[in-house]
C-alpha cells in the first residue's frame, strides 16, 4: 500500500514492498529477495486551478529526489536490518547506487527523523534549487508522525501482514 503525505510543494511517500531479486547471487549477503519499507521525498507538480472555488483539485506527486529503503533480506529475516540503505541526490527518478550508512542500521527511525527534520540538504543534493522552505518546515513539524507511520508499516512487514511474497 502506498501512503502519500503532501506538504504544499513536497510530498513524502511511504510504501511497503517485496523485491524479487532479478539477478540472484549465490552469496546470501549480496543477493536474494528483500522486503521492507520505502520512503521517498518527492516534488509535487502544481496544476492550474480547475472548476469552482470549492472544487477538488488534482494532486500530482511527481519526481522523487531522495529515497530511503528500510529493507531486510528475506533470508536474514525480520529485524536483520541487513539491506537498509538510502539514495541521496536521485536524478530523473533514478535511485543510483545504494549508500549504506552504519547510523541508519544502528537506529533506522532516529536516522530517518533526523533527515526529515531538515529536507533542504536532501533537495540540494538532488539539484533542486528551490529550498521549498514552507513545505520543509511542515515536514519538520510532521516528522514524528511520519516516522510513526514508517515504524508501524515496518512492524507490519516484519509480522508478515504487509510486503508478502508475490504469487
N, C-alpha and C. Protein backbone atom coordinates (compact mmCIF):
# COMPACT_ATOMS: atom_id res chain seq x y z
N UNK A 1 0.85 -1.17 0.00
CA UNK A 1 0.00 0.00 0.00
C UNK A 1 0.89 1.23 0.00
N UNK A 2 0.55 2.20 -0.81
CA UNK A 2 1.28 3.45 -0.89
C UNK A 2 0.57 4.50 -0.06
N UNK A 3 1.32 5.14 0.83
CA UNK A 3 0.78 6.23 1.64
C UNK A 3 1.46 7.51 1.18
N UNK A 4 0.67 8.58 0.99
CA UNK A 4 1.20 9.83 0.47
C UNK A 4 0.86 10.96 1.44
N UNK A 5 1.88 11.72 1.82
CA UNK A 5 1.71 12.89 2.68
C UNK A 5 2.14 14.11 1.86
N UNK A 6 1.26 15.08 1.74
CA UNK A 6 1.54 16.26 0.92
C UNK A 6 1.74 17.49 1.79
N UNK A 7 2.76 18.26 1.45
CA UNK A 7 3.13 19.46 2.19
C UNK A 7 3.35 20.60 1.20
N UNK A 8 2.31 21.19 0.71
CA UNK A 8 2.33 22.31 -0.22
C UNK A 8 3.03 21.99 -1.53
N UNK A 9 4.37 21.93 -1.52
CA UNK A 9 5.13 21.69 -2.75
C UNK A 9 5.95 20.40 -2.71
N UNK A 10 5.95 19.73 -1.58
CA UNK A 10 6.70 18.49 -1.41
C UNK A 10 5.80 17.38 -0.90
N UNK A 11 6.17 16.17 -1.22
CA UNK A 11 5.44 15.02 -0.71
C UNK A 11 6.39 13.99 -0.14
N UNK A 12 5.88 13.22 0.79
CA UNK A 12 6.60 12.07 1.35
C UNK A 12 5.73 10.85 1.06
N UNK A 13 6.33 9.84 0.43
CA UNK A 13 5.60 8.60 0.21
C UNK A 13 6.21 7.51 1.10
N UNK A 14 5.34 6.64 1.57
CA UNK A 14 5.74 5.51 2.42
C UNK A 14 5.06 4.29 1.82
N UNK A 15 5.87 3.31 1.45
CA UNK A 15 5.33 2.15 0.75
C UNK A 15 5.98 0.87 1.25
N UNK A 16 5.15 -0.13 1.55
CA UNK A 16 5.70 -1.44 1.86
C UNK A 16 5.98 -2.14 0.54
N UNK A 17 7.07 -2.91 0.50
CA UNK A 17 7.38 -3.59 -0.75
C UNK A 17 8.15 -4.88 -0.53
N UNK A 18 7.97 -5.75 -1.49
CA UNK A 18 8.69 -7.03 -1.56
C UNK A 18 9.43 -7.00 -2.88
N UNK A 19 10.76 -7.06 -2.83
CA UNK A 19 11.57 -7.00 -4.05
C UNK A 19 12.09 -8.39 -4.38
N UNK A 20 11.72 -8.87 -5.54
CA UNK A 20 12.23 -10.14 -6.03
C UNK A 20 13.54 -9.85 -6.73
N UNK A 21 14.59 -10.50 -6.28
CA UNK A 21 15.92 -10.29 -6.85
C UNK A 21 15.93 -10.78 -8.30
N UNK A 22 16.10 -9.86 -9.26
CA UNK A 22 16.07 -10.29 -10.66
C UNK A 22 17.36 -10.98 -11.10
N UNK A 23 18.42 -10.88 -10.30
CA UNK A 23 19.71 -11.47 -10.66
C UNK A 23 20.30 -12.11 -9.42
N UNK A 24 19.76 -13.25 -9.02
CA UNK A 24 20.19 -13.88 -7.76
C UNK A 24 21.70 -14.14 -7.73
N UNK A 25 22.27 -13.88 -6.59
CA UNK A 25 23.69 -14.13 -6.35
C UNK A 25 23.75 -15.27 -5.34
N UNK A 26 24.61 -16.25 -5.56
CA UNK A 26 24.66 -17.37 -4.60
C UNK A 26 25.10 -16.95 -3.20
N UNK A 27 25.77 -15.80 -3.09
CA UNK A 27 26.18 -15.29 -1.79
C UNK A 27 24.98 -14.60 -1.14
N UNK A 28 24.43 -15.13 -0.04
CA UNK A 28 23.22 -14.55 0.56
C UNK A 28 23.43 -13.13 1.07
N UNK A 29 24.69 -12.73 1.29
CA UNK A 29 24.93 -11.36 1.74
C UNK A 29 24.81 -10.35 0.60
N UNK A 30 24.86 -10.83 -0.65
CA UNK A 30 24.82 -9.90 -1.78
C UNK A 30 23.57 -10.05 -2.64
N UNK A 31 22.84 -11.13 -2.53
CA UNK A 31 21.69 -11.36 -3.39
C UNK A 31 20.49 -11.82 -2.57
N UNK A 32 19.40 -12.05 -3.25
CA UNK A 32 18.21 -12.57 -2.61
C UNK A 32 17.09 -11.56 -2.50
N UNK A 33 15.91 -12.06 -2.23
CA UNK A 33 14.73 -11.23 -2.11
C UNK A 33 14.83 -10.32 -0.88
N UNK A 34 14.14 -9.19 -0.97
CA UNK A 34 14.13 -8.22 0.12
C UNK A 34 12.71 -7.77 0.38
N UNK A 35 12.47 -7.34 1.61
CA UNK A 35 11.17 -6.77 1.94
C UNK A 35 11.35 -5.69 2.98
N UNK A 36 10.43 -4.74 2.97
CA UNK A 36 10.54 -3.64 3.92
C UNK A 36 9.71 -2.44 3.52
N UNK A 37 10.24 -1.27 3.81
CA UNK A 37 9.51 -0.02 3.60
C UNK A 37 10.40 0.95 2.82
N UNK A 38 9.80 1.58 1.82
CA UNK A 38 10.47 2.61 1.03
C UNK A 38 9.87 3.96 1.38
N UNK A 39 10.74 4.94 1.66
CA UNK A 39 10.32 6.32 1.94
C UNK A 39 10.96 7.20 0.88
N UNK A 40 10.16 8.03 0.23
CA UNK A 40 10.70 8.93 -0.78
C UNK A 40 10.26 10.36 -0.52
N UNK A 41 11.18 11.29 -0.78
CA UNK A 41 10.88 12.71 -0.83
C UNK A 41 10.63 13.04 -2.29
N UNK A 42 9.46 13.61 -2.55
CA UNK A 42 9.06 13.89 -3.93
C UNK A 42 8.62 15.33 -4.09
N UNK A 43 8.75 15.82 -5.31
CA UNK A 43 8.25 17.15 -5.65
C UNK A 43 6.80 17.02 -6.09
N UNK A 44 5.95 17.92 -5.63
CA UNK A 44 4.58 17.97 -6.11
C UNK A 44 4.56 18.83 -7.37
N UNK A 45 3.81 18.42 -8.35
CA UNK A 45 3.71 19.14 -9.62
C UNK A 45 2.44 19.99 -9.57
N UNK A 46 2.59 21.33 -9.42
CA UNK A 46 1.40 22.17 -9.30
C UNK A 46 0.58 22.18 -10.59
N UNK A 47 -0.71 22.22 -10.44
CA UNK A 47 -1.63 22.25 -11.57
C UNK A 47 -2.49 23.51 -11.48
N UNK A 48 -2.95 24.01 -12.62
CA UNK A 48 -3.83 25.18 -12.57
C UNK A 48 -5.15 24.83 -11.88
N UNK A 49 -5.71 25.82 -11.20
CA UNK A 49 -6.99 25.63 -10.52
C UNK A 49 -8.05 25.27 -11.56
N UNK A 50 -8.90 24.33 -11.20
CA UNK A 50 -9.97 23.94 -12.11
C UNK A 50 -11.29 24.00 -11.36
N UNK A 51 -12.34 24.37 -12.09
CA UNK A 51 -13.69 24.36 -11.52
C UNK A 51 -13.96 25.52 -10.58
N UNK A 52 -14.97 25.33 -9.77
CA UNK A 52 -15.42 26.37 -8.83
C UNK A 52 -14.40 26.53 -7.71
N UNK A 53 -14.56 27.57 -6.89
CA UNK A 53 -13.64 27.75 -5.76
C UNK A 53 -13.64 26.56 -4.79
N UNK A 54 -14.72 25.79 -4.78
CA UNK A 54 -14.83 24.65 -3.85
C UNK A 54 -14.55 23.30 -4.50
N UNK A 55 -14.17 23.31 -5.77
CA UNK A 55 -13.92 22.05 -6.48
C UNK A 55 -12.64 21.39 -5.97
N UNK A 56 -12.65 20.09 -5.93
CA UNK A 56 -11.43 19.34 -5.59
C UNK A 56 -10.39 19.60 -6.66
N UNK A 57 -9.14 19.66 -6.23
CA UNK A 57 -8.05 19.96 -7.14
C UNK A 57 -7.15 18.74 -7.32
N UNK A 58 -6.53 18.61 -8.48
CA UNK A 58 -5.63 17.48 -8.67
C UNK A 58 -4.37 17.63 -7.82
N UNK A 59 -3.87 16.51 -7.40
CA UNK A 59 -2.62 16.46 -6.66
C UNK A 59 -1.71 15.50 -7.42
N UNK A 60 -0.59 16.01 -7.90
CA UNK A 60 0.34 15.19 -8.66
C UNK A 60 1.64 15.07 -7.86
N UNK A 61 1.87 13.88 -7.34
CA UNK A 61 3.08 13.60 -6.58
C UNK A 61 4.08 13.07 -7.61
N UNK A 62 5.04 13.91 -7.95
CA UNK A 62 5.86 13.63 -9.12
C UNK A 62 7.27 13.16 -8.76
N UNK A 63 8.25 13.85 -9.20
CA UNK A 63 9.65 13.44 -9.21
C UNK A 63 10.19 13.09 -7.82
N UNK A 64 10.77 11.91 -7.71
CA UNK A 64 11.46 11.50 -6.48
C UNK A 64 12.86 12.08 -6.49
N UNK A 65 13.25 12.71 -5.37
CA UNK A 65 14.58 13.32 -5.29
C UNK A 65 15.46 12.67 -4.22
N UNK A 66 14.88 11.85 -3.36
CA UNK A 66 15.62 11.16 -2.31
C UNK A 66 14.82 9.93 -1.90
N UNK A 67 15.55 8.89 -1.54
CA UNK A 67 14.89 7.64 -1.14
C UNK A 67 15.67 6.99 -0.01
N UNK A 68 14.91 6.44 0.94
CA UNK A 68 15.48 5.58 1.97
C UNK A 68 14.72 4.26 1.93
N UNK A 69 15.46 3.18 1.88
CA UNK A 69 14.87 1.84 1.85
C UNK A 69 15.20 1.11 3.14
N UNK A 70 14.16 0.86 3.93
CA UNK A 70 14.30 0.14 5.19
C UNK A 70 14.02 -1.34 4.90
N UNK A 71 14.97 -1.95 4.20
CA UNK A 71 14.80 -3.31 3.70
C UNK A 71 15.59 -4.30 4.54
N UNK A 72 15.08 -5.53 4.51
CA UNK A 72 15.77 -6.66 5.14
C UNK A 72 15.70 -7.82 4.17
N UNK A 73 16.77 -8.58 4.09
CA UNK A 73 16.74 -9.75 3.22
C UNK A 73 15.74 -10.75 3.78
N UNK A 74 15.07 -11.44 2.88
CA UNK A 74 14.14 -12.48 3.31
C UNK A 74 14.93 -13.56 4.04
N UNK A 75 16.11 -13.89 3.53
CA UNK A 75 16.94 -14.92 4.17
C UNK A 75 17.39 -14.48 5.57
N UNK A 76 17.66 -13.20 5.75
CA UNK A 76 18.11 -12.69 7.05
C UNK A 76 16.99 -12.62 8.07
N UNK A 77 15.77 -12.48 7.58
CA UNK A 77 14.61 -12.47 8.46
C UNK A 77 14.29 -11.11 9.06
N UNK A 78 13.10 -11.03 9.68
CA UNK A 78 12.66 -9.78 10.30
C UNK A 78 13.63 -9.30 11.37
N UNK A 79 13.93 -8.02 11.30
CA UNK A 79 14.82 -7.43 12.29
C UNK A 79 16.29 -7.48 11.93
N UNK A 80 16.64 -8.09 10.80
CA UNK A 80 18.06 -8.21 10.45
C UNK A 80 18.69 -6.87 10.05
N UNK A 81 17.88 -5.97 9.48
CA UNK A 81 18.35 -4.64 9.06
C UNK A 81 19.53 -4.71 8.10
N UNK A 82 19.70 -5.85 7.42
CA UNK A 82 20.90 -6.08 6.62
C UNK A 82 20.90 -5.43 5.24
N UNK A 83 19.81 -4.86 4.81
CA UNK A 83 19.77 -4.23 3.49
C UNK A 83 19.30 -2.78 3.56
N UNK A 84 19.31 -2.19 4.73
CA UNK A 84 18.85 -0.80 4.87
C UNK A 84 19.88 0.14 4.26
N UNK A 85 19.40 1.06 3.42
CA UNK A 85 20.27 1.97 2.69
C UNK A 85 19.47 3.19 2.25
N UNK A 86 20.15 4.14 1.63
CA UNK A 86 19.45 5.29 1.06
C UNK A 86 20.09 5.66 -0.27
N UNK A 87 19.39 6.54 -0.99
CA UNK A 87 19.82 7.01 -2.30
C UNK A 87 19.78 8.54 -2.29
N UNK A 88 20.89 9.18 -1.95
CA UNK A 88 20.90 10.65 -1.95
C UNK A 88 20.98 11.18 -3.38
N UNK A 89 20.39 12.34 -3.58
CA UNK A 89 20.53 13.04 -4.85
C UNK A 89 20.05 12.27 -6.05
N UNK A 90 18.86 11.71 -6.00
CA UNK A 90 18.31 10.99 -7.14
C UNK A 90 18.16 11.95 -8.32
N UNK A 91 18.43 11.46 -9.52
CA UNK A 91 18.29 12.26 -10.74
C UNK A 91 17.30 11.58 -11.67
N UNK A 92 16.33 12.34 -12.15
CA UNK A 92 15.32 11.81 -13.08
C UNK A 92 14.63 10.57 -12.53
N UNK A 93 14.33 10.57 -11.24
CA UNK A 93 13.65 9.47 -10.55
C UNK A 93 14.50 8.22 -10.40
N UNK A 94 15.73 8.24 -10.87
CA UNK A 94 16.59 7.06 -10.79
C UNK A 94 17.36 7.07 -9.47
N UNK A 95 17.38 5.94 -8.78
CA UNK A 95 18.00 5.92 -7.46
C UNK A 95 19.52 5.91 -7.44
N UNK A 96 20.17 5.47 -8.47
CA UNK A 96 21.62 5.35 -8.40
C UNK A 96 22.04 4.23 -7.46
N UNK A 97 23.29 4.23 -7.05
CA UNK A 97 23.82 3.17 -6.20
C UNK A 97 23.29 3.28 -4.77
N UNK A 98 23.20 2.16 -4.12
CA UNK A 98 22.81 2.12 -2.72
C UNK A 98 23.94 2.69 -1.85
N UNK A 99 23.55 3.49 -0.87
CA UNK A 99 24.51 4.01 0.10
C UNK A 99 24.14 3.42 1.46
N UNK A 100 25.05 2.62 2.00
CA UNK A 100 24.84 2.01 3.31
C UNK A 100 25.49 2.90 4.36
N UNK A 101 24.76 3.16 5.43
CA UNK A 101 25.23 4.06 6.48
C UNK A 101 25.10 3.33 7.81
N UNK A 102 26.18 3.17 8.54
CA UNK A 102 26.09 2.46 9.84
C UNK A 102 25.09 3.11 10.79
N UNK A 103 24.94 4.43 10.73
CA UNK A 103 23.96 5.11 11.60
C UNK A 103 22.53 4.71 11.24
N UNK A 104 22.28 4.49 9.96
CA UNK A 104 20.96 4.05 9.51
C UNK A 104 20.66 2.67 10.07
N UNK A 105 21.62 1.78 10.00
CA UNK A 105 21.42 0.41 10.51
C UNK A 105 21.28 0.40 12.02
N UNK A 106 22.08 1.23 12.70
CA UNK A 106 22.06 1.24 14.17
C UNK A 106 20.75 1.77 14.73
N UNK A 107 20.20 2.79 14.11
CA UNK A 107 18.98 3.44 14.61
C UNK A 107 18.15 3.94 13.43
N UNK A 108 17.47 3.03 12.73
CA UNK A 108 16.78 3.41 11.50
C UNK A 108 15.79 4.56 11.66
N UNK A 109 14.96 4.53 12.68
CA UNK A 109 13.94 5.56 12.81
C UNK A 109 14.52 6.89 13.30
N UNK A 110 15.53 6.83 14.14
CA UNK A 110 16.22 8.06 14.54
C UNK A 110 16.91 8.70 13.36
N UNK A 111 17.55 7.87 12.53
CA UNK A 111 18.22 8.35 11.32
C UNK A 111 17.21 9.02 10.40
N UNK A 112 16.05 8.37 10.20
CA UNK A 112 15.01 8.94 9.34
C UNK A 112 14.50 10.27 9.89
N UNK A 113 14.24 10.31 11.17
CA UNK A 113 13.72 11.55 11.76
C UNK A 113 14.72 12.70 11.58
N UNK A 114 15.99 12.41 11.72
CA UNK A 114 17.00 13.47 11.51
C UNK A 114 16.97 13.97 10.08
N UNK A 115 16.77 13.12 9.11
CA UNK A 115 16.69 13.54 7.70
C UNK A 115 15.43 14.38 7.45
N UNK A 116 14.32 13.96 8.04
CA UNK A 116 13.06 14.67 7.80
C UNK A 116 12.99 15.99 8.56
N UNK A 117 13.82 16.15 9.56
CA UNK A 117 13.83 17.40 10.32
C UNK A 117 14.31 18.56 9.47
N UNK A 118 15.15 18.29 8.48
CA UNK A 118 15.57 19.32 7.53
C UNK A 118 15.82 18.67 6.18
N UNK A 119 14.83 18.74 5.30
CA UNK A 119 14.94 18.11 3.98
C UNK A 119 15.68 18.98 2.97
N UNK A 120 16.00 20.21 3.32
CA UNK A 120 16.68 21.10 2.36
C UNK A 120 18.01 20.53 1.87
N UNK A 121 18.85 19.92 2.72
CA UNK A 121 20.08 19.31 2.17
C UNK A 121 19.79 18.16 1.20
N UNK A 122 18.69 17.44 1.43
CA UNK A 122 18.32 16.36 0.52
C UNK A 122 17.93 16.92 -0.84
N UNK A 123 17.19 18.04 -0.82
CA UNK A 123 16.81 18.70 -2.06
C UNK A 123 18.05 19.22 -2.80
N UNK A 124 18.94 19.84 -2.06
CA UNK A 124 20.15 20.41 -2.67
C UNK A 124 20.99 19.30 -3.32
N UNK A 125 21.12 18.16 -2.64
CA UNK A 125 21.89 17.05 -3.19
C UNK A 125 21.30 16.53 -4.49
N UNK A 126 19.99 16.72 -4.67
CA UNK A 126 19.31 16.29 -5.90
C UNK A 126 19.30 17.38 -6.96
N UNK A 127 19.94 18.52 -6.68
CA UNK A 127 19.99 19.60 -7.66
C UNK A 127 18.74 20.45 -7.70
N UNK A 128 17.94 20.39 -6.65
CA UNK A 128 16.73 21.20 -6.57
C UNK A 128 17.12 22.54 -5.96
N UNK A 129 17.01 23.61 -6.75
CA UNK A 129 17.45 24.94 -6.29
C UNK A 129 16.53 25.55 -5.26
N UNK A 130 15.23 25.37 -5.43
CA UNK A 130 14.25 25.94 -4.50
C UNK A 130 14.30 25.15 -3.20
N UNK A 131 14.57 25.81 -2.06
CA UNK A 131 14.64 25.06 -0.80
C UNK A 131 13.27 24.66 -0.26
N UNK A 132 12.18 25.13 -0.91
CA UNK A 132 10.83 24.74 -0.50
C UNK A 132 10.62 24.98 0.99
N UNK A 133 11.02 26.15 1.47
CA UNK A 133 11.01 26.43 2.90
C UNK A 133 9.68 26.16 3.61
N UNK A 134 8.53 26.64 3.09
CA UNK A 134 7.27 26.33 3.83
C UNK A 134 7.00 24.83 3.92
N UNK A 135 7.23 24.11 2.83
CA UNK A 135 7.00 22.67 2.85
C UNK A 135 8.02 21.97 3.75
N UNK A 136 9.28 22.41 3.69
CA UNK A 136 10.32 21.82 4.53
C UNK A 136 9.99 22.00 6.01
N UNK A 137 9.46 23.16 6.37
CA UNK A 137 9.05 23.41 7.75
C UNK A 137 7.89 22.50 8.15
N UNK A 138 6.95 22.34 7.23
CA UNK A 138 5.80 21.47 7.52
C UNK A 138 6.24 20.02 7.70
N UNK A 139 7.19 19.56 6.88
CA UNK A 139 7.71 18.20 7.03
C UNK A 139 8.43 18.07 8.36
N UNK A 140 9.23 19.06 8.71
CA UNK A 140 9.92 19.05 10.01
C UNK A 140 8.91 18.88 11.14
N UNK A 141 7.83 19.64 11.10
CA UNK A 141 6.82 19.57 12.15
C UNK A 141 6.10 18.23 12.18
N UNK A 142 5.97 17.61 11.01
CA UNK A 142 5.27 16.32 10.91
C UNK A 142 6.21 15.12 11.06
N UNK A 143 7.51 15.37 11.18
CA UNK A 143 8.49 14.28 11.20
C UNK A 143 8.15 13.18 12.21
N UNK A 144 7.77 13.51 13.46
CA UNK A 144 7.43 12.42 14.39
C UNK A 144 6.27 11.55 13.89
N UNK A 145 5.25 12.15 13.28
CA UNK A 145 4.13 11.38 12.76
C UNK A 145 4.54 10.55 11.56
N UNK A 146 5.40 11.11 10.70
CA UNK A 146 5.88 10.36 9.54
C UNK A 146 6.70 9.15 9.99
N UNK A 147 7.56 9.34 10.97
CA UNK A 147 8.37 8.24 11.50
C UNK A 147 7.48 7.20 12.16
N UNK A 148 6.44 7.63 12.86
CA UNK A 148 5.50 6.67 13.45
C UNK A 148 4.85 5.82 12.37
N UNK A 149 4.49 6.43 11.25
CA UNK A 149 3.89 5.68 10.14
C UNK A 149 4.87 4.65 9.61
N UNK A 150 6.12 5.05 9.38
CA UNK A 150 7.13 4.11 8.88
C UNK A 150 7.35 2.99 9.89
N UNK A 151 7.39 3.32 11.16
CA UNK A 151 7.57 2.31 12.21
C UNK A 151 6.43 1.29 12.18
N UNK A 152 5.21 1.78 12.05
CA UNK A 152 4.04 0.88 12.01
C UNK A 152 4.07 -0.01 10.78
N UNK A 153 4.37 0.58 9.63
CA UNK A 153 4.41 -0.21 8.39
C UNK A 153 5.53 -1.25 8.46
N UNK A 154 6.71 -0.85 8.94
CA UNK A 154 7.81 -1.81 9.05
C UNK A 154 7.44 -2.94 10.03
N UNK A 155 6.75 -2.61 11.10
CA UNK A 155 6.29 -3.64 12.03
C UNK A 155 5.34 -4.62 11.36
N UNK A 156 4.45 -4.10 10.52
CA UNK A 156 3.51 -4.97 9.80
C UNK A 156 4.23 -5.82 8.74
N UNK A 157 5.28 -5.27 8.14
CA UNK A 157 6.08 -6.06 7.20
C UNK A 157 6.76 -7.20 7.95
N UNK A 158 7.38 -6.88 9.07
CA UNK A 158 8.09 -7.89 9.85
C UNK A 158 7.15 -8.97 10.38
N UNK A 159 5.90 -8.59 10.65
CA UNK A 159 4.90 -9.55 11.15
C UNK A 159 4.30 -10.39 10.02
N UNK A 160 4.66 -10.07 8.77
CA UNK A 160 4.14 -10.83 7.64
C UNK A 160 2.78 -10.38 7.16
N UNK A 161 2.29 -9.25 7.66
CA UNK A 161 0.98 -8.73 7.25
C UNK A 161 1.11 -7.99 5.91
N UNK A 162 2.20 -7.24 5.73
CA UNK A 162 2.44 -6.47 4.51
C UNK A 162 3.68 -6.98 3.80
N UNK A 163 3.83 -6.58 2.53
CA UNK A 163 5.01 -6.92 1.72
C UNK A 163 5.24 -8.42 1.67
N UNK A 164 4.18 -9.12 1.34
CA UNK A 164 4.28 -10.57 1.25
C UNK A 164 4.80 -10.97 -0.12
N UNK A 165 5.38 -12.14 -0.16
CA UNK A 165 5.94 -12.64 -1.43
C UNK A 165 4.84 -12.71 -2.49
N UNK A 166 5.13 -12.15 -3.68
CA UNK A 166 4.12 -12.21 -4.74
C UNK A 166 3.87 -13.65 -5.17
N UNK A 167 2.64 -13.91 -5.61
CA UNK A 167 2.27 -15.27 -6.05
C UNK A 167 2.78 -15.54 -7.43
